Amino acid sequence: MHCLWITLADPDPATNGQLIYSKGLIEALHAAGADLCVMGISRREKSAPSLDAERLVWRLVEEEELSRWRRVIHPKPTVALRGLSRPMLRMLGEVLSGRIWNAIVFDSICTGWALDPVLQYRHTCTHLPTLVYLSHNHEKTVARRIADASRGVRRIFKEVDFLKVARLERRLVAASGLVTANTPEDCRRFADEAAGTPVAFLPPGYGGNRVAERTIDDGVPRRAVIVGSFDWPPKRISLERFLAVGAPMLAHAGVELQIVGAVASDYLASLRGRYPSVTFVGPVEDVRPYMAAARIALVPDLLGGFKLKGLDYVFNRIPILAMRVGLPGMPLEDGRSIGLFDSHAALVEGMIALIDDLETLNRRQALAFDACAARFDWHRIGEHLLGHILRARGASATGSPKATPDALEASAD
């Protein structure tokens, strides 16, 4: 099978959850037997290309950022404009015309800039490629919550952007022969909207470190840790709301809180100034020592969507406390292998109550590891994705291709 995979950017090195998910799926589908051409934005920090010139080809273009006002007036949402440039559109045209494609994958709504040129190309094809929308979130839900959390003039822009997100997501789903989602909740949302289009559950795999055995004892600091990247506004909103409630409560209880992960230097300085009782480590080469030196891991996120850091926590054997909406798609049971809470205050209270209960902490980390040990295998996920695409191709061969009711918008402007 020849597959054109349109992604946001070269996912190597995979420095955040979106890149980890994209990189894992690209490599897994390739390993399952598909021939891939992957196109997206090049990244300066890429150390070396990992190319299989026969079956895995990368076509990367330097980013050309649109001006702020062009982003505001563009009919597509901000999230779908990073890849939009004349060089990228030229590259897409060359790649589309370069061979017959069996499938074209839109890797997240970030690649929605390519929908109209792909549909235009598809109208001229004698061999129709199957379009696949590989979602990373139910974006309409995310955009709605971002708008609701905004204030002042920013709220107006976010409300407009929500409408753009909803429209583009609807068009991607309508044009596709297969939709995937990485949590059961998002699968149900898409299924309600997809008018019969197959919706496949496609969780991420895990290829990182697995700690064979760990005992949390008095030698481990009375510390909780939050690991992740904080370059996305919804994550910052969740973190700041948690810190506003949790930092004074934890300081009063004598419990350390450590935040580890990628964050812009100016934002990091701002957080350090506002919350002096919290340790902000910033980006590190290896997060494992920080997880090993904590008793509890926290997921204070207010949005759903699969959290890859949850797998890091589980397989490094650190018990998790999370917001009830924050860690979907994992086979963990509240009160046994994870603690789930409905508010940040309740999350902090639960952590303070649990921080010295070493027996419960060790039992939970062991149960969580056992529940996840046989799941999240990239090889199996790649085979499942290939199977879903082949079945979608078979289904489309017996019916008419889907068309979008909206006019084409192929302009880079």
Protein backbone atom coordinates (compact mmCIF):
# COMPACT_ATOMS: atom_id res chain seq x y z
CA MET A 1 0.00 0.00 0.00
CA HIS A 2 1.31 3.44 -0.97
CA CYS A 3 0.37 6.05 1.61
CA LEU A 4 0.89 9.82 1.60
CA TRP A 5 1.14 10.92 5.23
CA ILE A 6 0.68 14.65 5.82
CA THR A 7 1.87 15.65 9.27
CA LEU A 8 2.49 18.94 11.07
CA ALA A 9 6.27 18.65 11.28
CA ASP A 10 9.16 16.24 11.26
CA PRO A 11 8.47 14.33 14.51
CA ASP A 12 12.10 13.53 15.25
CA PRO A 13 13.13 14.37 17.90
CA ALA A 14 9.76 13.70 19.53
CA THR A 15 9.71 16.41 22.21
CA ASN A 16 6.00 16.52 23.02
CA GLY A 17 2.95 14.26 22.99
CA GLN A 18 1.80 15.24 19.50
CA LEU A 19 5.20 14.45 17.99
CA ILE A 20 5.54 11.19 19.95
CA TYR A 21 2.15 10.01 18.69
CA SER A 22 2.88 10.97 15.08
CA LYS A 23 6.37 9.45 15.09
CA GLY A 24 5.14 6.22 16.65
CA LEU A 25 2.28 5.80 14.16
CA ILE A 26 4.43 6.61 11.12
CA GLU A 27 7.05 4.06 12.15
CA ALA A 28 4.42 1.49 13.14
CA LEU A 29 2.51 1.72 9.86
CA HIS A 30 5.78 1.50 7.94
CA ALA A 31 6.81 -1.57 9.95
CA ALA A 32 3.41 -3.14 9.25
CA GLY A 33 4.19 -3.10 5.52
CA ALA A 34 3.02 0.25 4.12
CA ASP A 35 5.17 2.37 1.83
CA LEU A 36 5.05 5.94 3.16
CA CYS A 37 5.86 9.40 1.89
CA VAL A 38 5.72 11.79 4.87
CA MET A 39 5.54 15.53 4.31
CA GLY A 40 5.52 18.38 6.80
CA ILE A 41 7.55 21.23 8.27
CA SER A 42 11.28 20.70 8.81
CA ARG A 43 12.67 21.31 12.30
CA ARG A 44 16.07 22.87 12.88
CA GLU A 45 16.81 20.72 15.92
CA LYS A 46 16.59 17.46 13.95
CA SER A 47 19.93 15.70 14.54
CA ALA A 48 20.01 13.35 11.53
CA PRO A 49 17.53 12.01 8.98
CA SER A 50 16.28 8.46 9.47
CA LEU A 51 15.42 7.52 5.91
CA ASP A 52 14.45 4.30 4.17
CA ALA A 53 14.69 5.63 0.63
CA GLU A 54 12.68 2.76 -0.80
CA ARG A 55 9.71 2.57 1.57
CA LEU A 56 9.86 5.62 3.86
CA VAL A 57 10.51 8.97 2.21
CA TRP A 58 10.45 12.36 3.95
CA ARG A 59 9.56 15.57 2.10
CA LEU A 60 10.14 18.48 4.47
CA VAL A 61 9.72 22.22 3.91
CA GLU A 62 10.94 25.10 6.06
CA GLU A 63 8.19 26.88 7.96
CA GLU A 64 6.95 30.26 6.68
CA GLU A 65 4.79 31.84 9.33
CA LEU A 66 1.74 33.83 8.27
CA SER A 67 1.35 37.27 9.77
CA ARG A 68 -0.95 37.62 12.75
CA TRP A 69 -3.65 39.42 10.79
CA ARG A 70 -3.55 36.95 7.93
CA ARG A 71 -4.15 34.21 10.51
CA VAL A 72 -7.05 36.16 11.98
CA ILE A 73 -8.84 36.71 8.66
CA HIS A 74 -8.08 33.29 7.19
CA PRO A 75 -11.12 30.97 6.95
CA LYS A 76 -9.16 28.12 8.54
CA PRO A 77 -8.41 28.03 12.28
CA THR A 78 -5.05 29.04 13.70
CA VAL A 79 -4.14 25.43 14.54
CA ALA A 80 -4.30 24.50 10.82
CA LEU A 81 -2.16 27.35 9.48
CA ARG A 82 1.41 26.53 10.56
CA GLY A 83 1.95 24.28 7.55
CA LEU A 84 0.28 26.59 5.05
CA SER A 85 2.74 28.30 2.70
CA ARG A 86 3.31 28.53 -1.03
CA PRO A 87 6.40 26.25 -0.86
CA MET A 88 4.36 23.68 1.07
CA LEU A 89 1.50 23.84 -1.43
CA ARG A 90 3.97 23.41 -4.28
CA MET A 91 5.50 20.42 -2.52
CA LEU A 92 2.07 18.90 -1.95
CA GLY A 93 1.24 19.31 -5.65
CA GLU A 94 4.48 17.60 -6.66
CA VAL A 95 3.94 14.71 -4.24
CA LEU A 96 0.31 14.18 -5.22
CA SER A 97 1.14 14.02 -8.91
CA GLY A 98 4.23 11.87 -8.39
CA ARG A 99 2.42 8.53 -8.10
CA ILE A 100 -0.90 6.78 -7.51
CA TRP A 101 -1.74 6.92 -3.81
CA ASN A 102 -3.84 4.25 -2.10
CA ALA A 103 -4.37 6.36 1.03
CA ILE A 104 -3.78 9.93 2.17
CA VAL A 105 -3.53 10.52 5.92
CA PHE A 106 -4.30 13.86 7.58
CA ASP A 107 -2.28 13.58 10.80
CA SER A 108 -4.31 15.84 13.14
CA ILE A 109 -6.32 18.95 12.41
CA CYS A 110 -2.98 20.79 12.04
CA THR A 111 -2.84 19.40 8.49
CA GLY A 112 -6.28 20.75 7.58
CA TRP A 113 -4.55 23.34 5.36
CA ALA A 114 -4.07 20.46 2.86
CA LEU A 115 -7.70 19.33 2.68
CA ASP A 116 -8.79 21.46 -0.27
CA PRO A 117 -5.83 20.70 -2.56
CA VAL A 118 -6.21 17.00 -1.75
CA LEU A 119 -9.93 17.08 -2.56
CA GLN A 120 -9.19 18.92 -5.79
CA TYR A 121 -6.61 16.26 -6.71
CA ARG A 122 -9.04 13.49 -5.77
CA HIS A 123 -11.69 14.82 -8.15
CA THR A 124 -9.23 14.25 -11.02
CA CYS A 125 -8.20 10.71 -9.98
CA THR A 126 -9.19 7.51 -11.73
CA HIS A 127 -7.84 5.51 -8.76
CA LEU A 128 -9.42 7.20 -5.73
CA PRO A 129 -7.23 7.26 -2.61
CA THR A 130 -8.87 6.61 0.75
CA LEU A 131 -8.70 9.69 2.97
CA VAL A 132 -7.93 9.09 6.64
CA TYR A 133 -8.42 11.69 9.37
CA LEU A 134 -6.12 10.71 12.22
CA SER A 135 -7.37 12.92 15.05
CA HIS A 136 -5.33 13.80 18.13
CA ASN A 137 -8.34 15.27 19.95
CA HIS A 138 -11.99 16.01 19.35
CA GLU A 139 -10.94 19.51 18.37
CA LYS A 140 -14.34 21.15 18.59
CA THR A 141 -14.49 20.18 22.27
CA VAL A 142 -10.98 21.52 22.88
CA ALA A 143 -11.68 24.80 21.07
CA ARG A 144 -14.92 25.27 23.00
CA ARG A 145 -13.12 24.93 26.32
CA ILE A 146 -10.32 27.25 25.23
CA ALA A 147 -12.86 29.90 24.28
CA ASP A 148 -14.74 29.46 27.56
CA ALA A 149 -11.50 29.95 29.51
CA SER A 150 -10.58 33.16 27.65
CA ARG A 151 -11.43 36.67 28.75
CA GLY A 152 -11.84 40.11 27.20
CA VAL A 153 -10.92 40.72 23.55
CA ARG A 154 -9.11 37.38 23.47
CA ARG A 155 -12.47 35.69 24.10
CA ILE A 156 -13.87 37.18 20.87
CA PHE A 157 -10.97 35.82 18.80
CA LYS A 158 -11.26 32.40 20.43
CA GLU A 159 -15.00 32.26 19.77
CA VAL A 160 -14.36 32.97 16.09
CA ASP A 161 -11.59 30.39 16.04
CA PHE A 162 -13.94 27.85 17.62
CA LEU A 163 -16.32 28.25 14.68
CA LYS A 164 -13.43 27.74 12.25
CA VAL A 165 -12.26 24.64 14.12
CA ALA A 166 -15.75 23.16 14.16
CA ARG A 167 -16.17 23.72 10.43
CA LEU A 168 -12.78 22.29 9.46
CA GLU A 169 -13.17 19.25 11.70
CA ARG A 170 -16.61 18.61 10.22
CA ARG A 171 -15.20 18.81 6.69
CA LEU A 172 -12.28 16.48 7.49
CA VAL A 173 -14.66 13.89 8.91
CA ALA A 174 -17.09 14.26 5.99
CA ALA A 175 -14.33 13.84 3.40
CA SER A 176 -12.71 10.83 5.04
CA GLY A 177 -13.32 7.14 4.59
CA LEU A 178 -11.82 6.45 8.02
CA VAL A 179 -11.54 8.50 11.22
CA THR A 180 -9.37 7.49 14.17
CA ALA A 181 -9.35 8.73 17.77
CA ASN A 182 -7.05 7.93 20.68
CA THR A 183 -9.63 7.75 23.48
CA PRO A 184 -12.96 5.92 23.74
CA GLU A 185 -14.68 9.21 24.61
CA ASP A 186 -13.49 10.88 21.39
CA CYS A 187 -14.47 7.77 19.41
CA ARG A 188 -18.02 8.19 20.66
CA ARG A 189 -18.04 11.91 19.83
CA PHE A 190 -16.84 11.31 16.29
CA ALA A 191 -19.21 8.37 15.78
CA ASP A 192 -22.14 10.63 16.68
CA GLU A 193 -21.06 13.09 13.98
CA ALA A 194 -19.59 10.83 11.28
CA ALA A 195 -22.80 9.75 9.51
CA GLY A 196 -21.66 6.16 9.17
CA THR A 197 -17.98 6.72 8.49
CA PRO A 198 -15.92 4.10 10.41
CA VAL A 199 -14.31 5.48 13.57
CA ALA A 200 -11.39 3.41 14.89
CA PHE A 201 -9.87 3.52 18.37
CA LEU A 202 -6.12 4.11 17.91
CA PRO A 203 -4.31 4.59 21.23
CA PRO A 204 -0.61 5.37 21.29
CA GLY A 205 2.01 2.74 21.92
CA TYR A 206 4.81 2.92 24.43
CA GLY A 207 8.43 2.28 23.55
CA GLY A 208 10.10 3.86 26.56
CA ASN A 209 11.65 2.67 29.78
CA ARG A 210 9.90 -0.03 31.85
CA VAL A 211 11.02 -0.29 35.47
CA ALA A 212 10.94 -3.96 36.44
CA GLU A 213 10.53 -3.31 40.16
CA ARG A 214 10.27 -0.32 42.47
CA THR A 215 9.57 0.22 46.16
CA ILE A 216 8.54 3.66 47.40
CA ASP A 217 9.93 4.06 50.92
CA ASP A 218 10.91 6.77 53.40
CA GLY A 219 14.02 7.45 51.34
CA VAL A 220 11.92 8.90 48.53
CA PRO A 221 11.22 12.62 49.13
CA ARG A 222 7.70 13.71 50.07
CA ARG A 223 7.37 15.05 46.57
CA ALA A 224 4.84 15.09 43.74
CA VAL A 225 5.92 15.62 40.15
CA ILE A 226 4.23 16.90 36.98
CA VAL A 227 6.05 15.96 33.78
CA GLY A 228 5.15 17.35 30.38
CA SER A 229 5.54 20.10 27.83
CA PHE A 230 3.74 23.36 28.49
CA ASP A 231 3.82 25.04 25.09
CA TRP A 232 0.09 24.62 24.39
CA PRO A 233 -2.41 27.15 25.85
CA PRO A 234 -4.86 24.55 27.28
CA LYS A 235 -2.02 22.90 29.21
CA ARG A 236 -0.94 26.25 30.58
CA ILE A 237 -4.48 27.06 31.64
CA SER A 238 -4.79 23.75 33.49
CA LEU A 239 -1.39 24.14 35.15
CA GLU A 240 -1.99 27.69 36.30
CA ARG A 241 -5.41 26.92 37.71
CA PHE A 242 -3.94 23.98 39.59
CA LEU A 243 -1.04 26.01 40.96
CA ALA A 244 -3.32 28.82 42.11
CA VAL A 245 -5.17 26.33 44.30
CA GLY A 246 -2.52 23.74 45.03
CA ALA A 247 0.75 25.63 45.63
CA PRO A 248 -0.28 27.25 48.96
CA MET A 249 -1.98 24.05 50.18
CA LEU A 250 1.10 21.92 49.44
CA ALA A 251 3.49 24.47 50.97
CA HIS A 252 1.40 24.49 54.15
CA ALA A 253 1.46 20.66 54.26
CA GLY A 254 5.20 20.47 53.67
CA VAL A 255 4.82 18.53 50.40
CA GLU A 256 7.19 19.38 47.55
CA LEU A 257 5.91 19.96 44.03
CA GLN A 258 8.24 19.71 41.05
CA ILE A 259 7.33 20.67 37.46
CA VAL A 260 9.56 19.11 34.79
CA GLY A 261 9.37 19.67 31.04
CA ALA A 262 9.68 21.92 28.03
CA VAL A 263 8.44 25.47 28.49
CA ALA A 264 9.37 28.85 27.00
CA SER A 265 12.00 30.65 29.11
CA ASP A 266 9.90 33.79 29.66
CA TYR A 267 6.91 31.74 30.77
CA LEU A 268 9.14 29.67 33.05
CA ALA A 269 10.48 32.83 34.68
CA SER A 270 6.93 34.09 35.18
CA LEU A 271 5.87 30.87 36.91
CA ARG A 272 8.91 30.91 39.18
CA GLY A 273 8.11 34.44 40.22
CA ARG A 274 4.46 33.71 40.99
CA TYR A 275 4.94 30.36 42.76
CA PRO A 276 8.23 30.43 44.71
CA SER A 277 7.31 27.32 46.74
CA VAL A 278 7.22 25.19 43.57
CA THR A 279 10.34 23.86 41.86
CA PHE A 280 10.24 24.51 38.10
CA VAL A 281 13.00 22.42 36.54
CA GLY A 282 12.30 23.24 32.88
CA PRO A 283 13.38 21.01 30.00
CA VAL A 284 15.71 18.10 30.77
CA GLU A 285 17.42 15.39 28.72
CA ASP A 286 15.98 12.55 30.82
CA VAL A 287 12.87 12.75 33.01
CA ARG A 288 13.39 9.35 34.61
CA PRO A 289 15.50 10.53 37.58
CA TYR A 290 12.80 13.06 38.46
CA MET A 291 10.06 10.42 38.44
CA ALA A 292 12.26 8.09 40.51
CA ALA A 293 12.68 10.84 43.12
CA ALA A 294 8.93 11.44 43.65
CA ARG A 295 6.19 9.54 45.43
CA ILE A 296 3.24 10.68 43.30
CA ALA A 297 2.69 11.88 39.73
CA LEU A 298 -0.04 14.41 38.98
CA VAL A 299 -2.23 15.02 35.91
CA PRO A 300 -4.08 18.30 36.61
CA ASP A 301 -5.26 18.69 32.98
CA LEU A 302 -8.79 19.98 32.44
CA LEU A 303 -9.10 18.58 28.90
CA GLY A 304 -9.52 15.01 27.75
CA GLY A 305 -7.38 13.35 25.10
CA PHE A 306 -4.82 10.64 25.64
CA LYS A 307 -1.87 11.78 27.80
CA LEU A 308 1.35 10.04 26.86
CA LYS A 309 2.88 11.13 30.13
CA GLY A 310 0.41 8.76 31.79
CA LEU A 311 2.28 5.86 30.19
CA ASP A 312 5.60 7.27 31.37
CA TYR A 313 4.24 7.40 34.90
CA VAL A 314 2.82 3.88 34.82
CA PHE A 315 5.85 2.16 33.32
CA ASN A 316 8.24 4.03 35.61
CA ARG A 317 6.08 2.83 38.53
CA ILE A 318 4.97 6.11 40.02
CA PRO A 319 1.35 6.19 41.27
CA ILE A 320 -0.95 8.70 39.59
CA LEU A 321 -3.51 11.18 40.85
CA ALA A 322 -5.45 12.92 38.08
CA MET A 323 -8.44 15.02 37.25
CA ARG A 324 -11.33 12.75 36.31
CA VAL A 325 -11.39 14.11 32.74
CA GLY A 326 -7.62 14.26 32.41
CA LEU A 327 -6.45 10.72 31.67
CA PRO A 328 -8.92 8.84 29.43
CA GLY A 329 -8.08 5.73 27.42
CA MET A 330 -6.03 3.92 30.08
CA PRO A 331 -7.22 0.72 31.82
CA LEU A 332 -6.88 2.12 35.34
CA GLU A 333 -9.46 1.84 38.11
CA ASP A 334 -10.23 4.73 40.42
CA GLY A 335 -9.29 3.93 44.01
CA ARG A 336 -7.19 0.89 43.06
CA SER A 337 -4.64 1.73 40.37
CA ILE A 338 -5.24 5.49 40.10
CA GLY A 339 -6.91 8.31 42.02
CA LEU A 340 -9.39 10.49 40.10
CA PHE A 341 -10.81 13.80 41.31
CA ASP A 342 -13.40 16.37 40.21
CA SER A 343 -11.57 19.53 41.33
CA HIS A 344 -8.03 20.73 41.82
CA ALA A 345 -8.67 21.28 45.52
CA ALA A 346 -9.84 17.67 45.90
CA LEU A 347 -6.79 16.48 43.95
CA VAL A 348 -4.44 18.29 46.32
CA GLU A 349 -6.31 17.05 49.40
CA GLY A 350 -6.11 13.51 48.07
CA MET A 351 -2.38 13.86 47.50
CA ILE A 352 -1.72 15.21 50.99
CA ALA A 353 -3.71 12.32 52.48
CA LEU A 354 -1.80 9.75 50.41
CA ILE A 355 1.76 11.07 50.41
CA ASP A 356 2.82 9.10 53.52
CA ASP A 357 0.70 5.98 52.88
CA LEU A 358 3.57 3.99 51.41
CA GLU A 359 1.67 0.72 51.35
CA THR A 360 -1.12 2.18 49.20
CA LEU A 361 1.36 3.98 46.94
CA ASN A 362 3.26 0.77 46.23
CA ARG A 363 0.09 -1.23 45.70
CA ARG A 364 -1.27 1.31 43.21
CA GLN A 365 1.89 1.55 41.14
CA ALA A 366 2.08 -2.24 40.89
CA LEU A 367 -1.59 -2.59 39.87
CA ALA A 368 -1.26 0.17 37.28
CA PHE A 369 1.82 -1.43 35.74
CA ASP A 370 0.15 -4.84 35.54
CA ALA A 371 -3.01 -3.35 33.96
CA CYS A 372 -1.02 -1.67 31.17
CA ALA A 373 1.85 -4.13 30.65
CA ALA A 374 0.34 -6.05 27.72
CA ARG A 375 -1.19 -3.00 26.01
CA PHE A 376 0.16 -0.01 24.12
CA ASP A 377 2.36 -2.00 21.76
CA TRP A 378 3.37 0.05 18.70
CA HIS A 379 3.80 -3.02 16.48
CA ARG A 380 0.25 -4.19 17.13
CA ILE A 381 -1.13 -0.66 16.73
CA GLY A 382 0.58 -0.32 13.33
CA GLU A 383 -0.97 -3.58 12.15
CA HIS A 384 -4.39 -2.41 13.37
CA LEU A 385 -4.05 0.91 11.54
CA LEU A 386 -3.06 -0.83 8.32
CA GLY A 387 -6.02 -3.19 8.68
CA HIS A 388 -8.45 -0.32 9.27
CA ILE A 389 -7.18 1.52 6.16
CA LEU A 390 -7.43 -1.59 3.98
CA ARG A 391 -10.99 -2.24 5.19
CA ALA A 392 -11.92 1.38 4.51
CA ARG A 393 -10.49 1.04 1.00
CA GLY A 394 -12.54 -2.08 0.45
CA ALA A 395 -15.70 -0.34 1.65
CA SER A 396 -15.12 2.70 -0.56
CA ALA A 397 -14.65 0.44 -3.59
CA THR A 398 -18.26 -0.72 -3.24
CA GLY A 399 -19.78 2.76 -2.91
CA SER A 400 -19.38 6.31 -4.08
CA PRO A 401 -16.60 8.50 -2.66
CA LYS A 402 -17.50 11.08 -0.08
CA ALA A 403 -17.54 14.69 -1.12
CA THR A 404 -17.43 17.85 0.92
CA PRO A 405 -20.38 20.25 0.59
CA ASP A 406 -18.10 23.24 1.01
CA ALA A 407 -16.21 25.12 -1.69
CA LEU A 408 -12.52 24.42 -2.15
CA GLU A 409 -10.09 26.78 -0.38
CA ALA A 410 -6.65 26.02 -1.84
CA SER A 411 -5.14 29.47 -1.49
CA ALA A 412 -2.11 30.06 0.74
CA ASP A 413 -3.62 33.38 1.72
